[in-house]
Amino acid sequence: MAITSLKPSRKYTVGAQYICFDTEDANGGWTTTFESSVTKLPTITSVNISDDADSYETYASGDIYDADTVVMKKEIQETNIAFPEDLLARMRGDTVDTGVIAEGGLSTRPFFAYGVVIIKKDGTKDMRWYPKCKLAENTDDTETSEASNKDQTDDVTINAYGFDDNKTKAIRVLTSDENNEGITEEAFFAAPVLTVAAAKALRPVSGTS
């Protein structure tokens, strides 16, 4: 059996995040149609993405017959150096009217697509769209200014849910693959990507395989 030696590039930094609101149906349900505007925010200082999963085992004849893990959702926890108040209010489901926010009332939080970029040391990118998301929680902490600088950050937690029959949570493009070298960040995040075929369609013609 052949042995393949790999030396993967290390993670270097988190890049920008992208938000695009869903055009929900009459009952407030998620649809595959999104608003034409995508908001780019180069504000993240850290991001942690984890599986909310349920594992179970099936026993037969005194042994483990099968084992499965079901990922219910992805939990995205991020820290921002700044975050637009009106955008965050809209994610909470608050009423926003020309800089005036009615906060904390009875409301339904809207669905939106969330995108983020992880940049590797060699310059390649791991670009991700999570098409079906809702805001889970956010912090609103402020401290007094002092003589020495101290960054004041906002924590935001987003839940990403399955959006197709296979309960897919995200579509990712790795530019470390030679087939995807020509896919730019601008092209990938121009609109939410919902299928592998749609992601591959972003490849330049010369890079199609």
Protein backbone atom coordinates (compact mmCIF):
# COMPACT_ATOMS: atom_id res chain seq x y z
CA MET A 1 0.00 0.00 0.00
CA ALA A 2 1.41 3.40 -1.00
CA ILE A 3 1.98 6.10 1.58
CA THR A 4 1.16 9.68 0.66
CA SER A 5 3.00 12.38 2.59
CA LEU A 6 1.15 15.65 3.10
CA LYS A 7 2.24 18.93 4.65
CA PRO A 8 -0.95 21.01 4.90
CA SER A 9 -0.66 24.74 5.30
CA ARG A 10 -1.44 26.15 8.74
CA LYS A 11 -4.34 28.47 9.42
CA TYR A 12 -3.12 32.06 9.27
CA THR A 13 -6.12 34.25 10.00
CA VAL A 14 -9.86 34.57 9.75
CA GLY A 15 -10.93 36.85 6.92
CA ALA A 16 -14.13 38.77 6.31
CA GLN A 17 -17.66 37.60 7.07
CA TYR A 18 -20.66 37.95 4.77
CA ILE A 19 -24.37 38.21 5.55
CA CYS A 20 -27.29 37.96 3.12
CA PHE A 21 -30.90 37.86 4.32
CA ASP A 22 -33.29 35.23 3.06
CA THR A 23 -36.51 36.08 1.26
CA GLU A 24 -38.87 34.10 3.47
CA ASP A 25 -42.24 32.71 2.44
CA ALA A 26 -45.60 33.98 3.72
CA ASN A 27 -45.28 31.84 6.85
CA GLY A 28 -41.76 33.01 7.68
CA GLY A 29 -40.16 29.84 6.35
CA TRP A 30 -36.75 29.65 4.72
CA THR A 31 -36.58 29.69 0.92
CA THR A 32 -33.81 29.31 -1.63
CA THR A 33 -34.26 32.95 -2.69
CA PHE A 34 -32.15 35.66 -1.10
CA GLU A 35 -31.96 39.43 -1.18
CA SER A 36 -29.73 40.89 -3.89
CA SER A 37 -27.49 42.68 -1.40
CA VAL A 38 -24.66 40.90 0.46
CA THR A 39 -23.03 42.70 3.41
CA LYS A 40 -19.27 42.23 3.87
CA LEU A 41 -17.83 42.83 7.34
CA PRO A 42 -14.03 42.65 7.87
CA THR A 43 -14.58 42.79 11.63
CA ILE A 44 -13.92 39.29 13.03
CA THR A 45 -11.14 38.77 15.55
CA SER A 46 -11.93 35.08 16.20
CA VAL A 47 -14.42 32.44 15.13
CA ASN A 48 -15.23 29.00 16.52
CA ILE A 49 -17.41 26.61 14.52
CA SER A 50 -18.58 23.40 16.19
CA ASP A 51 -21.07 20.60 15.61
CA ASP A 52 -24.15 20.25 17.78
CA ALA A 53 -24.32 16.49 17.31
CA ASP A 54 -26.14 13.49 18.75
CA SER A 55 -24.29 10.16 18.72
CA TYR A 56 -25.91 6.81 19.35
CA GLU A 57 -25.01 3.14 19.12
CA THR A 58 -27.10 0.10 18.22
CA TYR A 59 -26.37 -3.16 20.03
CA ALA A 60 -26.98 -6.72 18.89
CA SER A 61 -25.67 -10.10 20.07
CA GLY A 62 -23.81 -8.43 22.92
CA ASP A 63 -21.78 -6.11 20.70
CA ILE A 64 -22.03 -2.79 18.89
CA TYR A 65 -23.89 -3.48 15.65
CA ASP A 66 -23.80 0.05 14.27
CA ALA A 67 -22.99 3.59 15.34
CA ASP A 68 -24.23 6.88 13.96
CA THR A 69 -23.71 10.57 14.60
CA VAL A 70 -26.34 13.07 13.53
CA VAL A 71 -25.27 16.71 13.30
CA MET A 72 -28.31 18.75 14.27
CA LYS A 73 -26.76 22.15 13.54
CA LYS A 74 -23.49 24.06 13.34
CA GLU A 75 -22.84 26.58 16.09
CA ILE A 76 -20.79 29.58 14.97
CA GLN A 77 -19.36 31.68 17.79
CA GLU A 78 -17.48 34.77 16.76
CA THR A 79 -15.92 37.85 18.33
CA ASN A 80 -16.05 41.15 16.45
CA ILE A 81 -14.13 44.36 16.94
CA ALA A 82 -17.28 46.14 15.74
CA PHE A 83 -20.71 45.19 14.37
CA PRO A 84 -23.35 47.46 12.78
CA GLU A 85 -26.14 48.01 15.32
CA ASP A 86 -28.90 48.17 12.71
CA LEU A 87 -27.73 44.95 11.05
CA LEU A 88 -27.56 43.12 14.39
CA ALA A 89 -31.00 44.45 15.29
CA ARG A 90 -32.42 43.10 12.06
CA MET A 91 -30.82 39.71 12.77
CA ARG A 92 -32.58 39.77 16.17
CA GLY A 93 -35.91 40.49 14.50
CA ASP A 94 -36.18 43.99 15.98
CA THR A 95 -37.93 46.80 14.14
CA VAL A 96 -35.40 49.07 12.39
CA ASP A 97 -36.53 52.37 10.87
CA THR A 98 -33.96 54.91 9.66
CA GLY A 99 -31.66 54.60 12.65
CA VAL A 100 -34.44 54.05 15.19
CA ILE A 101 -34.65 50.57 16.74
CA ALA A 102 -37.58 49.08 18.66
CA GLU A 103 -35.83 46.29 20.55
CA GLY A 104 -36.90 43.29 22.59
CA GLY A 105 -40.53 43.00 21.56
CA LEU A 106 -42.41 39.99 20.28
CA SER A 107 -40.72 39.10 17.01
CA THR A 108 -39.49 36.25 14.83
CA ARG A 109 -35.82 36.17 14.01
CA PRO A 110 -35.23 36.04 10.25
CA PHE A 111 -33.21 33.51 8.31
CA PHE A 112 -30.03 34.67 6.64
CA ALA A 113 -27.01 33.18 4.91
CA TYR A 114 -23.68 33.54 6.67
CA GLY A 115 -20.30 33.38 4.96
CA VAL A 116 -16.77 33.38 6.34
CA VAL A 117 -13.22 32.98 5.00
CA ILE A 118 -10.37 31.11 6.68
CA ILE A 119 -7.01 32.10 5.18
CA LYS A 120 -4.05 29.73 5.26
CA LYS A 121 -0.38 30.67 5.60
CA ASP A 122 0.28 29.82 1.95
CA GLY A 123 -2.44 32.26 0.84
CA THR A 124 -5.08 29.67 -0.04
CA LYS A 125 -8.58 30.11 1.32
CA ASP A 126 -11.33 28.01 2.85
CA MET A 127 -14.46 29.91 1.80
CA ARG A 128 -17.75 28.88 3.40
CA TRP A 129 -21.42 29.66 2.94
CA TYR A 130 -23.91 28.58 5.60
CA PRO A 131 -27.17 29.29 3.73
CA LYS A 132 -29.74 28.71 6.49
CA CYS A 133 -28.88 30.56 9.69
CA LYS A 134 -30.47 32.38 12.59
CA LEU A 135 -28.96 34.52 15.30
CA ALA A 136 -28.83 32.62 18.60
CA GLU A 137 -27.47 35.29 20.93
CA ASN A 138 -25.22 38.31 21.16
CA THR A 139 -23.50 40.33 23.88
CA ASP A 140 -23.76 44.08 24.43
CA ASP A 141 -20.93 45.01 26.80
CA THR A 142 -19.16 48.36 26.99
CA GLU A 143 -16.42 49.53 29.34
CA THR A 144 -15.09 52.97 30.16
CA SER A 145 -12.13 54.22 28.17
CA GLU A 146 -8.75 54.22 29.90
CA ALA A 147 -5.33 55.73 29.35
CA SER A 148 -4.12 52.61 27.53
CA ASN A 149 -6.01 51.20 24.57
CA LYS A 150 -8.33 48.28 25.20
CA ASP A 151 -10.36 46.73 22.40
CA GLN A 152 -14.07 46.43 23.12
CA THR A 153 -15.60 43.50 21.30
CA ASP A 154 -19.03 42.07 20.51
CA ASP A 155 -19.72 38.33 20.70
CA VAL A 156 -22.23 36.86 18.28
CA THR A 157 -23.51 33.26 18.17
CA ILE A 158 -25.17 31.97 15.00
CA ASN A 159 -26.86 28.61 14.41
CA ALA A 160 -26.58 27.07 10.95
CA TYR A 161 -29.23 24.50 10.01
CA GLY A 162 -29.63 21.89 7.28
CA PHE A 163 -31.11 23.38 4.13
CA ASP A 164 -31.59 20.47 1.72
CA ASP A 165 -32.83 16.88 1.73
CA ASN A 166 -29.42 15.71 2.98
CA LYS A 167 -29.45 18.28 5.81
CA THR A 168 -26.30 19.94 4.43
CA LYS A 169 -25.16 22.79 6.66
CA ALA A 170 -22.50 24.48 4.52
CA ILE A 171 -20.97 24.69 1.07
CA ARG A 172 -17.19 25.15 1.17
CA VAL A 173 -14.63 25.88 -1.54
CA LEU A 174 -10.96 25.13 -0.93
CA THR A 175 -8.69 27.13 -3.21
CA SER A 176 -5.83 24.80 -2.26
CA ASP A 177 -7.35 22.43 -4.83
CA GLU A 178 -5.96 23.29 -8.26
CA ASN A 179 -9.46 23.11 -9.76
CA ASN A 180 -10.57 25.99 -7.54
CA GLU A 181 -7.53 28.26 -7.80
CA GLY A 182 -9.41 30.67 -10.06
CA ILE A 183 -12.46 31.08 -7.79
CA THR A 184 -12.13 34.48 -6.16
CA GLU A 185 -13.59 35.57 -2.86
CA GLU A 186 -15.63 38.21 -4.70
CA ALA A 187 -17.18 35.59 -6.99
CA PHE A 188 -17.95 33.06 -4.26
CA PHE A 189 -19.60 35.57 -1.94
CA ALA A 190 -21.52 37.47 -4.61
CA ALA A 191 -24.58 35.42 -3.58
CA PRO A 192 -25.21 32.43 -1.29
CA VAL A 193 -24.13 29.10 -2.83
CA LEU A 194 -26.48 26.19 -2.19
CA THR A 195 -25.04 23.26 -4.15
CA VAL A 196 -21.74 21.69 -5.09
CA ALA A 197 -22.66 22.18 -8.75
CA ALA A 198 -23.18 25.92 -8.20
CA ALA A 199 -19.78 26.17 -6.50
CA LYS A 200 -18.04 24.30 -9.33
CA ALA A 201 -19.77 26.57 -11.86
CA LEU A 202 -17.73 29.46 -10.44
CA ARG A 203 -14.51 27.94 -11.77
CA PRO A 204 -12.95 29.66 -14.77
CA VAL A 205 -13.48 27.68 -17.96
CA SER A 206 -9.81 26.73 -18.14
CA GLY A 207 -9.98 25.22 -14.65
CA THR A 208 -13.04 23.04 -15.21
CA SER A 209 -12.53 19.33 -14.85
